[in-house]
PDB file of N, CA and C in Angstrom:
ATOM      1  N   SER A   1       3.472  20.868   3.047  1.00  0.00           N
ATOM      2  CA  SER A   1       2.829  20.127   3.918  1.00  0.00           C
ATOM      3  C   SER A   1       3.194  21.524   5.381  1.00  0.00           C
ATOM      4  N   THR A   2       2.299  21.412   6.284  1.00  0.00           N
ATOM      5  CA  THR A   2       2.282  21.998   7.456  1.00  0.00           C
ATOM      6  C   THR A   2       3.309  21.116   8.902  1.00  0.00           C
ATOM      7  N   ARG A   3       3.553  20.312   8.424  1.00  0.00           N
ATOM      8  CA  ARG A   3       3.866  18.981   9.362  1.00  0.00           C
ATOM      9  C   ARG A   3       5.382  18.552   8.776  1.00  0.00           C
ATOM     10  N   ILE A   4       6.308  18.265   9.732  1.00  0.00           N
ATOM     11  CA  ILE A   4       7.476  17.413   9.620  1.00  0.00           C
ATOM     12  C   ILE A   4       7.120  15.873   9.832  1.00  0.00           C
ATOM     13  N   LEU A   5       7.270  15.040   8.441  1.00  0.00           N
ATOM     14  CA  LEU A   5       7.390  13.763   9.078  1.00  0.00           C
ATOM     15  C   LEU A   5       8.300  12.976   8.948  1.00  0.00           C
ATOM     16  N   GLU A   6       8.824  12.341  10.312  1.00  0.00           N
ATOM     17  CA  GLU A   6      10.050  11.503  10.391  1.00  0.00           C
ATOM     18  C   GLU A   6       9.781  10.134  10.621  1.00  0.00           C
ATOM     19  N   ALA A   7      10.703   8.945   9.368  1.00  0.00           N
ATOM     20  CA  ALA A   7      10.427   7.446   9.834  1.00  0.00           C
ATOM     21  C   ALA A   7      11.440   7.281  10.689  1.00  0.00           C
ATOM     22  N   LYS A   8      10.821   6.288  11.784  1.00  0.00           N
ATOM     23  CA  LYS A   8      11.926   5.808  12.587  1.00  0.00           C
ATOM     24  C   LYS A   8      12.675   4.943  11.996  1.00  0.00           C
ATOM     25  N   THR A   9      12.021   4.158  11.230  1.00  0.00           N
ATOM     26  CA  THR A   9      12.401   3.189  10.456  1.00  0.00           C
ATOM     27  C   THR A   9      12.839   3.051   8.725  1.00  0.00           C
ATOM     28  N   ASP A  10      13.232   2.040   8.427  1.00  0.00           N
ATOM     29  CA  ASP A  10      13.600   2.316   7.175  1.00  0.00           C
ATOM     30  C   ASP A  10      12.286   2.427   6.423  1.00  0.00           C
ATOM     31  N   VAL A  11      11.520   3.264   5.043  1.00  0.00           N
ATOM     32  CA  VAL A  11      10.274   2.769   4.397  1.00  0.00           C
ATOM     33  C   VAL A  11      10.426   3.392   2.991  1.00  0.00           C
ATOM     34  N   LYS A  12       9.688   2.535   2.090  1.00  0.00           N
ATOM     35  CA  LYS A  12       9.589   2.794   0.917  1.00  0.00           C
ATOM     36  C   LYS A  12       8.626   4.226   0.472  1.00  0.00           C
ATOM     37  N   LEU A  13       8.641   4.915   0.080  1.00  0.00           N
ATOM     38  CA  LEU A  13       7.804   5.935  -0.617  1.00  0.00           C
ATOM     39  C   LEU A  13       7.666   5.999  -1.757  1.00  0.00           C
ATOM     40  N   TYR A  14       5.927   5.739  -2.045  1.00  0.00           N
ATOM     41  CA  TYR A  14       6.147   5.930  -3.496  1.00  0.00           C
ATOM     42  C   TYR A  14       4.928   7.080  -3.837  1.00  0.00           C
ATOM     43  N   GLN A  15       4.541   7.722  -4.982  1.00  0.00           N
ATOM     44  CA  GLN A  15       4.397   8.744  -5.604  1.00  0.00           C
ATOM     45  C   GLN A  15       3.268   8.716  -6.509  1.00  0.00           C
ATOM     46  N   ILE A  16       1.975   9.182  -6.338  1.00  0.00           N
ATOM     47  CA  ILE A  16       1.072   8.857  -7.735  1.00  0.00           C
ATOM     48  C   ILE A  16       0.393  10.275  -8.214  1.00  0.00           C
ATOM     49  N   SER A  17       0.600  10.377  -9.551  1.00  0.00           N
ATOM     50  CA  SER A  17      -0.486  11.690  -9.434  1.00  0.00           C
ATOM     51  C   SER A  17      -1.903  11.232  -9.249  1.00  0.00           C
ATOM     52  N   TYR A  18      -2.430  12.681  -9.678  1.00  0.00           N
ATOM     53  CA  TYR A  18      -4.140  12.603  -9.152  1.00  0.00           C
ATOM     54  C   TYR A  18      -4.734  12.182 -10.487  1.00  0.00           C
ATOM     55  N   ALA A  19      -4.444  12.518 -11.649  1.00  0.00           N
ATOM     56  CA  ALA A  19      -4.486  11.624 -12.647  1.00  0.00           C
ATOM     57  C   ALA A  19      -4.632  10.388 -13.008  1.00  0.00           C
ATOM     58  N   ASN A  20      -3.502   9.759 -11.964  1.00  0.00           N
ATOM     59  CA  ASN A  20      -3.143   8.815 -12.617  1.00  0.00           C
ATOM     60  C   ASN A  20      -3.737   7.936 -11.346  1.00  0.00           C
ATOM     61  N   LEU A  21      -3.974   8.043 -10.332  1.00  0.00           N
ATOM     62  CA  LEU A  21      -4.579   7.491  -9.052  1.00  0.00           C
ATOM     63  C   LEU A  21      -6.141   7.467  -9.655  1.00  0.00           C
ATOM     64  N   GLN A  22      -6.904   7.940 -10.912  1.00  0.00           N
ATOM     65  CA  GLN A  22      -8.403   8.206 -11.051  1.00  0.00           C
ATOM     66  C   GLN A  22      -8.422   7.091 -11.692  1.00  0.00           C
ATOM     67  N   LEU A  23      -7.244   7.063 -12.639  1.00  0.00           N
ATOM     68  CA  LEU A  23      -7.224   5.824 -13.669  1.00  0.00           C
ATOM     69  C   LEU A  23      -6.770   4.912 -13.182  1.00  0.00           C
ATOM     70  N   ILE A  24      -6.094   4.341 -12.133  1.00  0.00           N
ATOM     71  CA  ILE A  24      -6.120   3.168 -11.486  1.00  0.00           C
ATOM     72  C   ILE A  24      -7.462   2.979 -11.042  1.00  0.00           C
ATOM     73  N   TYR A  25      -8.501   3.772 -10.380  1.00  0.00           N
ATOM     74  CA  TYR A  25      -9.941   3.330  -9.941  1.00  0.00           C
ATOM     75  C   TYR A  25     -10.811   3.243 -10.929  1.00  0.00           C
ATOM     76  N   ASP A  26     -10.529   3.942 -12.316  1.00  0.00           N
ATOM     77  CA  ASP A  26     -11.500   3.537 -13.340  1.00  0.00           C
ATOM     78  C   ASP A  26     -11.144   2.178 -13.781  1.00  0.00           C
ATOM     79  N   ARG A  27     -10.106   1.351 -13.737  1.00  0.00           N
ATOM     80  CA  ARG A  27      -9.737   0.267 -14.609  1.00  0.00           C
ATOM     81  C   ARG A  27      -9.370  -1.207 -13.099  1.00  0.00           C
ATOM     82  N   ILE A  28      -9.394  -0.463 -11.878  1.00  0.00           N
ATOM     83  CA  ILE A  28      -9.600  -1.774 -11.126  1.00  0.00           C
ATOM     84  C   ILE A  28     -10.071  -1.354  -9.981  1.00  0.00           C
ATOM     85  N   PRO A  29     -11.343  -1.524 -10.129  1.00  0.00           N
ATOM     86  CA  PRO A  29     -12.828  -0.888  -9.183  1.00  0.00           C
ATOM     87  C   PRO A  29     -12.335  -1.843  -8.037  1.00  0.00           C
ATOM     88  N   HIS A  30     -11.699  -2.716  -7.504  1.00  0.00           N
ATOM     89  CA  HIS A  30     -11.633  -3.088  -6.011  1.00  0.00           C
ATOM     90  C   HIS A  30     -10.303  -2.329  -5.694  1.00  0.00           C
ATOM     91  N   PHE A  31      -9.644  -1.475  -5.890  1.00  0.00           N
ATOM     92  CA  PHE A  31      -8.820  -0.477  -5.617  1.00  0.00           C
ATOM     93  C   PHE A  31      -9.288   0.382  -5.534  1.00  0.00           C
ATOM     94  N   GLN A  32     -10.042   0.759  -5.813  1.00  0.00           N
ATOM     95  CA  GLN A  32     -10.780   1.815  -5.352  1.00  0.00           C
ATOM     96  C   GLN A  32     -11.496   2.016  -4.210  1.00  0.00           C
ATOM     97  N   LYS A  33     -12.006   0.874  -3.879  1.00  0.00           N
ATOM     98  CA  LYS A  33     -12.756   0.080  -2.875  1.00  0.00           C
ATOM     99  C   LYS A  33     -11.762   0.141  -1.405  1.00  0.00           C
ATOM    100  N   LEU A  34     -10.531  -0.506  -2.167  1.00  0.00           N
ATOM    101  CA  LEU A  34      -9.381  -0.679  -0.943  1.00  0.00           C
ATOM    102  C   LEU A  34      -8.881   0.632  -0.670  1.00  0.00           C
ATOM    103  N   SER A  35      -8.807   1.647  -1.240  1.00  0.00           N
ATOM    104  CA  SER A  35      -8.360   2.926  -0.806  1.00  0.00           C
ATOM    105  C   SER A  35      -9.672   3.346   0.029  1.00  0.00           C
ATOM    106  N   ARG A  36     -11.085   3.611  -0.739  1.00  0.00           N
ATOM    107  CA  ARG A  36     -11.829   3.985   0.145  1.00  0.00           C
ATOM    108  C   ARG A  36     -11.746   3.183   1.751  1.00  0.00           C
ATOM    109  N   LYS A  37     -11.948   1.954   1.923  1.00  0.00           N
ATOM    110  CA  LYS A  37     -11.371   1.463   3.399  1.00  0.00           C
ATOM    111  C   LYS A  37     -10.318   1.994   3.951  1.00  0.00           C
ATOM    112  N   MET A  38      -9.277   1.894   3.600  1.00  0.00           N
ATOM    113  CA  MET A  38      -8.133   2.410   4.110  1.00  0.00           C
ATOM    114  C   MET A  38      -8.550   4.197   4.518  1.00  0.00           C
ATOM    115  N   LEU A  39      -8.768   4.877   3.871  1.00  0.00           N
ATOM    116  CA  LEU A  39      -9.221   6.069   4.144  1.00  0.00           C
ATOM    117  C   LEU A  39     -10.055   6.380   5.126  1.00  0.00           C
ATOM    118  N   GLU A  40     -10.836   5.503   5.294  1.00  0.00           N
ATOM    119  CA  GLU A  40     -12.186   5.674   6.450  1.00  0.00           C
ATOM    120  C   GLU A  40     -11.596   5.536   7.387  1.00  0.00           C
ATOM    121  N   GLU A  41     -10.235   4.297   7.349  1.00  0.00           N
ATOM    122  CA  GLU A  41     -10.092   4.104   8.815  1.00  0.00           C
ATOM    123  C   GLU A  41      -8.956   5.004   9.312  1.00  0.00           C
ATOM    124  N   ASN A  42      -7.975   5.818   8.294  1.00  0.00           N
ATOM    125  CA  ASN A  42      -7.532   6.540   8.720  1.00  0.00           C
ATOM    126  C   ASN A  42      -8.059   8.365   9.517  1.00  0.00           C
ATOM    127  N   LEU A  43      -9.101   8.321   8.711  1.00  0.00           N
ATOM    128  CA  LEU A  43     -10.033   9.679   9.479  1.00  0.00           C
ATOM    129  C   LEU A  43     -10.449   8.864  10.622  1.00  0.00           C
ATOM    130  N   ASN A  44     -11.444   8.029  10.312  1.00  0.00           N
ATOM    131  CA  ASN A  44     -11.568   7.579  12.027  1.00  0.00           C
ATOM    132  C   ASN A  44     -10.345   8.040  13.158  1.00  0.00           C
ATOM    133  N   PHE A  45      -9.643   6.952  12.838  1.00  0.00           N
ATOM    134  CA  PHE A  45      -8.331   7.147  13.871  1.00  0.00           C
ATOM    135  C   PHE A  45      -8.202   8.721  13.769  1.00  0.00           C
ATOM    136  N   ILE A  46      -7.878   9.458  13.320  1.00  0.00           N
ATOM    137  CA  ILE A  46      -7.891  10.869  13.331  1.00  0.00           C
ATOM    138  C   ILE A  46      -8.881  11.433  14.118  1.00  0.00           C
ATOM    139  N   MET A  47     -10.197  11.297  13.996  1.00  0.00           N
ATOM    140  CA  MET A  47     -11.326  11.587  14.737  1.00  0.00           C
ATOM    141  C   MET A  47     -11.254  11.537  16.288  1.00  0.00           C
ATOM    142  N   GLU A  48     -10.734   9.884  16.856  1.00  0.00           N
ATOM    143  CA  GLU A  48     -10.198   9.417  17.467  1.00  0.00           C
ATOM    144  C   GLU A  48      -9.165  10.280  18.649  1.00  0.00           C
ATOM    145  N   LEU A  49      -8.565  10.580  17.732  1.00  0.00           N
ATOM    146  CA  LEU A  49      -6.990  11.287  18.196  1.00  0.00           C
ATOM    147  C   LEU A  49      -7.414  12.586  18.123  1.00  0.00           C
ATOM    148  N   ASN A  50      -8.259  13.493  17.982  1.00  0.00           N
ATOM    149  CA  ASN A  50      -8.943  14.944  17.898  1.00  0.00           C
ATOM    150  C   ASN A  50      -9.769  14.777  19.428  1.00  0.00           C
ATOM    151  N   SER A  51     -10.621  13.815  19.279  1.00  0.00           N
ATOM    152  CA  SER A  51     -11.812  13.298  20.534  1.00  0.00           C
ATOM    153  C   SER A  51     -10.345  13.296  21.545  1.00  0.00           C
ATOM    154  N   MET A  52      -9.328  12.524  21.942  1.00  0.00           N
ATOM    155  CA  MET A  52      -8.472  12.255  22.966  1.00  0.00           C
ATOM    156  C   MET A  52      -8.319  13.500  23.265  1.00  0.00           C
ATOM    157  N   ILE A  53      -7.707  14.253  22.150  1.00  0.00           N
ATOM    158  CA  ILE A  53      -6.413  15.639  22.726  1.00  0.00           C
ATOM    159  C   ILE A  53      -7.743  16.552  23.462  1.00  0.00           C
ATOM    160  N   VAL A  54      -9.231  16.434  22.918  1.00  0.00           N
ATOM    161  CA  VAL A  54      -9.783  17.876  23.443  1.00  0.00           C
ATOM    162  C   VAL A  54     -10.685  16.970  24.663  1.00  0.00           C
ATOM    163  N   ASN A  55     -11.087  15.779  24.767  1.00  0.00           N
ATOM    164  CA  ASN A  55     -11.673  15.308  25.787  1.00  0.00           C
ATOM    165  C   ASN A  55     -11.045  14.762  27.185  1.00  0.00           C
ATOM    166  N   ASP A  56      -9.901  13.727  26.762  1.00  0.00           N
ATOM    167  CA  ASP A  56      -9.125  13.318  27.884  1.00  0.00           C
ATOM    168  C   ASP A  56      -7.969  14.399  28.534  1.00  0.00           C
ATOM    169  N   SER A  57      -7.794  13.695  29.822  1.00  0.00           N
ATOM    170  CA  SER A  57      -6.428  14.726  30.396  1.00  0.00           C
ATOM    171  C   SER A  57      -5.196  13.428  30.000  1.00  0.00           C
ATOM    172  N   PRO A  58      -4.341  14.437  30.377  1.00  0.00           N
ATOM    173  CA  PRO A  58      -2.752  14.246  29.801  1.00  0.00           C
ATOM    174  C   PRO A  58      -2.644  12.787  30.098  1.00  0.00           C
ATOM    175  N   VAL A  59      -2.899  12.451  31.709  1.00  0.00           N
ATOM    176  CA  VAL A  59      -2.475  11.055  32.037  1.00  0.00           C
ATOM    177  C   VAL A  59      -3.451  10.012  31.087  1.00  0.00           C
ATOM    178  N   ASP A  60      -4.846  10.476  31.028  1.00  0.00           N
ATOM    179  CA  ASP A  60      -5.151   9.465  30.377  1.00  0.00           C
ATOM    180  C   ASP A  60      -4.950   8.960  28.707  1.00  0.00           C
ATOM    181  N   ARG A  61      -4.453  10.370  27.718  1.00  0.00           N
ATOM    182  CA  ARG A  61      -3.983  10.335  26.728  1.00  0.00           C
ATOM    183  C   ARG A  61      -2.938   9.248  26.960  1.00  0.00           C
ATOM    184  N   TYR A  62      -2.142   9.732  28.135  1.00  0.00           N
ATOM    185  CA  TYR A  62      -0.593   8.932  28.085  1.00  0.00           C
ATOM    186  C   TYR A  62      -1.120   7.345  27.895  1.00  0.00           C
ATOM    187  N   LEU A  63      -2.138   6.983  29.148  1.00  0.00           N
ATOM    188  CA  LEU A  63      -2.578   5.602  29.091  1.00  0.00           C
ATOM    189  C   LEU A  63      -2.718   4.902  28.003  1.00  0.00           C
ATOM    190  N   LYS A  64      -3.782   5.513  26.783  1.00  0.00           N
ATOM    191  CA  LYS A  64      -4.413   5.055  26.048  1.00  0.00           C
ATOM    192  C   LYS A  64      -3.087   4.981  25.367  1.00  0.00           C
ATOM    193  N   LEU A  65      -2.301   5.489  24.745  1.00  0.00           N
ATOM    194  CA  LEU A  65      -1.349   5.777  24.097  1.00  0.00           C
ATOM    195  C   LEU A  65      -0.139   4.157  24.522  1.00  0.00           C
ATOM    196  N   LYS A  66       0.089   3.673  25.092  1.00  0.00           N
ATOM    197  CA  LYS A  66       0.898   3.219  26.013  1.00  0.00           C
ATOM    198  C   LYS A  66      -0.104   1.676  26.017  1.00  0.00           C
ATOM    199  N   GLU A  67      -1.215   1.719  25.956  1.00  0.00           N
ATOM    200  CA  GLU A  67      -2.856   0.585  25.748  1.00  0.00           C
ATOM    201  C   GLU A  67      -2.087   0.235  24.620  1.00  0.00           C
ATOM    202  N   ILE A  68      -3.203   1.211  23.506  1.00  0.00           N
ATOM    203  CA  ILE A  68      -2.667   1.065  22.278  1.00  0.00           C
ATOM    204  C   ILE A  68      -1.998   0.500  21.504  1.00  0.00           C
ATOM    205  N   ARG A  69      -0.739   1.474  21.705  1.00  0.00           N
ATOM    206  CA  ARG A  69       0.956   1.246  20.940  1.00  0.00           C
ATOM    207  C   ARG A  69       1.644   1.388  21.998  1.00  0.00           C
ATOM    208  N   PRO A  70       1.766   0.344  22.260  1.00  0.00           N
ATOM    209  CA  PRO A  70       3.172   0.297  23.420  1.00  0.00           C
ATOM    210  C   PRO A  70       4.580   0.639  23.554  1.00  0.00           C
ATOM    211  N   GLU A  71       4.554   0.042  21.702  1.00  0.00           N
ATOM    212  CA  GLU A  71       5.914  -0.021  21.100  1.00  0.00           C
ATOM    213  C   GLU A  71       6.302   1.405  20.871  1.00  0.00           C
ATOM    214  N   VAL A  72       5.829   2.339  20.811  1.00  0.00           N
ATOM    215  CA  VAL A  72       5.472   3.733  20.655  1.00  0.00           C
ATOM    216  C   VAL A  72       6.560   4.400  22.001  1.00  0.00           C
ATOM    217  N   ILE A  73       5.686   4.073  22.916  1.00  0.00           N
ATOM    218  CA  ILE A  73       6.553   4.127  24.199  1.00  0.00           C
ATOM    219  C   ILE A  73       7.844   3.978  24.451  1.00  0.00           C
ATOM    220  N   GLN A  74       8.484   2.774  23.906  1.00  0.00           N
ATOM    221  CA  GLN A  74      10.031   2.214  23.939  1.00  0.00           C
ATOM    222  C   GLN A  74      10.801   2.816  23.060  1.00  0.00           C
ATOM    223  N   GLU A  75      10.086   3.175  21.656  1.00  0.00           N
ATOM    224  CA  GLU A  75      10.628   3.242  20.817  1.00  0.00           C
ATOM    225  C   GLU A  75      11.053   4.812  20.522  1.00  0.00           C
ATOM    226  N   ILE A  76       9.952   5.970  20.539  1.00  0.00           N
ATOM    227  CA  ILE A  76      10.060   7.221  20.229  1.00  0.00           C
ATOM    228  C   ILE A  76      10.580   7.988  21.608  1.00  0.00           C
ATOM    229  N   PRO A  77      11.278   8.602  21.175  1.00  0.00           N
ATOM    230  CA  PRO A  77      11.936   9.579  22.024  1.00  0.00           C
ATOM    231  C   PRO A  77      10.950  10.643  23.083  1.00  0.00           C
ATOM    232  N   GLN A  78      11.065  10.654  24.277  1.00  0.00           N
ATOM    233  CA  GLN A  78      10.020  10.990  25.201  1.00  0.00           C
ATOM    234  C   GLN A  78       9.400  12.400  24.426  1.00  0.00           C
ATOM    235  N   TYR A  79      10.395  13.430  24.218  1.00  0.00           N
ATOM    236  CA  TYR A  79       9.554  14.622  23.695  1.00  0.00           C
ATOM    237  C   TYR A  79       8.983  14.964  22.553  1.00  0.00           C
ATOM    238  N   MET A  80       9.103  13.514  21.528  1.00  0.00           N
ATOM    239  CA  MET A  80       8.062  13.358  20.412  1.00  0.00           C
ATOM    240  C   MET A  80       6.976  13.143  21.035  1.00  0.00           C
ATOM    241  N   ILE A  81       7.464  12.189  22.020  1.00  0.00           N
ATOM    242  CA  ILE A  81       5.336  11.537  22.737  1.00  0.00           C
ATOM    243  C   ILE A  81       4.517  12.613  22.735  1.00  0.00           C
ATOM    244  N   ALA A  82       5.163  13.471  23.987  1.00  0.00           N
ATOM    245  CA  ALA A  82       5.053  14.947  24.714  1.00  0.00           C
ATOM    246  C   ALA A  82       4.179  16.030  23.851  1.00  0.00           C
ATOM    247  N   THR A  83       5.326  15.689  22.068  1.00  0.00           N
ATOM    248  CA  THR A  83       4.661  16.643  21.825  1.00  0.00           C
ATOM    249  C   THR A  83       3.029  15.794  21.042  1.00  0.00           C
ATOM    250  N   PHE A  84       3.236  14.531  20.860  1.00  0.00           N
ATOM    251  CA  PHE A  84       1.972  14.380  20.322  1.00  0.00           C
ATOM    252  C   PHE A  84       1.025  14.367  21.134  1.00  0.00           C
ATOM    253  N   LEU A  85       1.182  14.187  22.428  1.00  0.00           N
ATOM    254  CA  LEU A  85      -0.089  14.434  23.482  1.00  0.00           C
ATOM    255  C   LEU A  85      -0.585  15.883  23.638  1.00  0.00           C
ATOM    256  N   GLY A  86       0.543  16.891  23.123  1.00  0.00           N
ATOM    257  CA  GLY A  86      -0.148  18.302  23.729  1.00  0.00           C
ATOM    258  C   GLY A  86       0.718  18.591  24.821  1.00  0.00           C
ATOM    259  N   ILE A  87       1.552  18.118  25.499  1.00  0.00           N
ATOM    260  CA  ILE A  87       2.159  18.196  26.532  1.00  0.00           C
ATOM    261  C   ILE A  87       3.698  18.560  26.331  1.00  0.00           C
ATOM    262  N   THR A  88       3.945  19.344  27.762  1.00  0.00           N
ATOM    263  CA  THR A  88       5.820  19.279  27.562  1.00  0.00           C
ATOM    264  C   THR A  88       6.285  17.839  27.902  1.00  0.00           C
ATOM    265  N   PRO A  89       7.450  17.753  27.812  1.00  0.00           N
ATOM    266  CA  PRO A  89       8.392  16.853  27.945  1.00  0.00           C
ATOM    267  C   PRO A  89       8.243  16.636  29.751  1.00  0.00           C
ATOM    268  N   GLU A  90       8.514  17.369  30.166  1.00  0.00           N
ATOM    269  CA  GLU A  90       8.191  17.812  31.610  1.00  0.00           C
ATOM    270  C   GLU A  90       7.042  16.875  32.260  1.00  0.00           C
ATOM    271  N   ALA A  91       6.089  17.225  31.592  1.00  0.00           N
ATOM    272  CA  ALA A  91       4.359  17.018  31.906  1.00  0.00           C
ATOM    273  C   ALA A  91       4.744  15.378  31.548  1.00  0.00           C
ATOM    274  N   LEU A  92       4.981  15.236  30.797  1.00  0.00           N
ATOM    275  CA  LEU A  92       5.081  13.757  30.608  1.00  0.00           C
ATOM    276  C   LEU A  92       6.351  13.082  31.459  1.00  0.00           C
ATOM    277  N   SER A  93       7.302  13.040  31.583  1.00  0.00           N
ATOM    278  CA  SER A  93       7.874  12.703  32.780  1.00  0.00           C
ATOM    279  C   SER A  93       6.986  12.391  33.994  1.00  0.00           C
ATOM    280  N   ARG A  94       6.639  13.740  34.431  1.00  0.00           N
ATOM    281  CA  ARG A  94       5.588  13.383  36.059  1.00  0.00           C
ATOM    282  C   ARG A  94       4.898  12.473  35.808  1.00  0.00           C
ATOM    283  N   ILE A  95       3.845  12.458  34.598  1.00  0.00           N
ATOM    284  CA  ILE A  95       2.760  11.761  34.093  1.00  0.00           C
ATOM    285  C   ILE A  95       3.297  10.027  34.398  1.00  0.00           C
ATOM    286  N   LYS A  96       4.712   9.424  33.723  1.00  0.00           N
ATOM    287  CA  LYS A  96       5.547   8.566  33.577  1.00  0.00           C
ATOM    288  C   LYS A  96       5.965   8.269  34.945  1.00  0.00           C
ATOM    289  N   SER A  97       6.042   9.034  36.110  1.00  0.00           N
ATOM    290  CA  SER A  97       6.137   8.333  37.384  1.00  0.00           C
ATOM    291  C   SER A  97       4.920   7.587  38.079  1.00  0.00           C
ATOM    292  N   LYS A  98       5.202   6.710  38.670  1.00  0.00           N
ATOM    293  CA  LYS A  98       4.582   6.081  39.393  1.00  0.00           C
ATOM    294  C   LYS A  98       3.623   6.768  40.442  1.00  0.00           C
ATOM    295  N   LYS A  99       3.634   7.679  41.145  1.00  0.00           N
ATOM    296  CA  LYS A  99       3.082   8.681  41.856  1.00  0.00           C
ATOM    297  C   LYS A  99       1.849   8.941  40.924  1.00  0.00           C
ATOM    298  N   ILE A 100       1.915   9.557  40.138  1.00  0.00           N
ATOM    299  CA  ILE A 100       1.037  10.107  39.137  1.00  0.00           C
ATOM    300  C   ILE A 100       0.030   8.792  38.574  1.00  0.00           C
ATOM    301  N   LEU A 101       0.494   7.482  38.167  1.00  0.00           N
ATOM    302  CA  LEU A 101       0.009   6.596  37.934  1.00  0.00           C
ATOM    303  C   LEU A 101      -0.995   6.031  38.333  1.00  0.00           C
ATOM    304  N   ARG A 102      -0.567   5.732  39.660  1.00  0.00           N
ATOM    305  CA  ARG A 102      -1.341   5.470  40.757  1.00  0.00           C
ATOM    306  C   ARG A 102      -2.331   5.872  41.282  1.00  0.00           C
ATOM    307  N   ARG A 103      -2.252   7.205  41.045  1.00  0.00           N
ATOM    308  CA  ARG A 103      -3.514   8.333  41.682  1.00  0.00           C
ATOM    309  C   ARG A 103      -4.649   8.228  40.234  1.00  0.00           C
ATOM    310  N   SER A 104      -4.125   7.516  39.250  1.00  0.00           N
ATOM    311  CA  SER A 104      -5.202   7.818  38.021  1.00  0.00           C
ATOM    312  C   SER A 104      -5.939   7.163  38.095  1.00  0.00           C
TER     313      SER A 104
END
């Protein structure tokens, strides 16, 4: 992987081979529909994120994140949020200050 993922809470991770996944799809058609729906939702989320990074200002990106996932702002370290938003931790600190948020 080109990315490092870090869980902030306990998780269980399961792995399945591509061949076994195809067997499940063949045997349980509903599972294939469910998987497709989950993939479509994830793709839509990724496309929205890409659009946000390209089209929105850092202030707008922060405000959208705060609106959509307020728990992230509370639970995740500032440097990680800054990286996610494509800005420096210092820029995020300025954005979070009331002066900048009042101007936007």
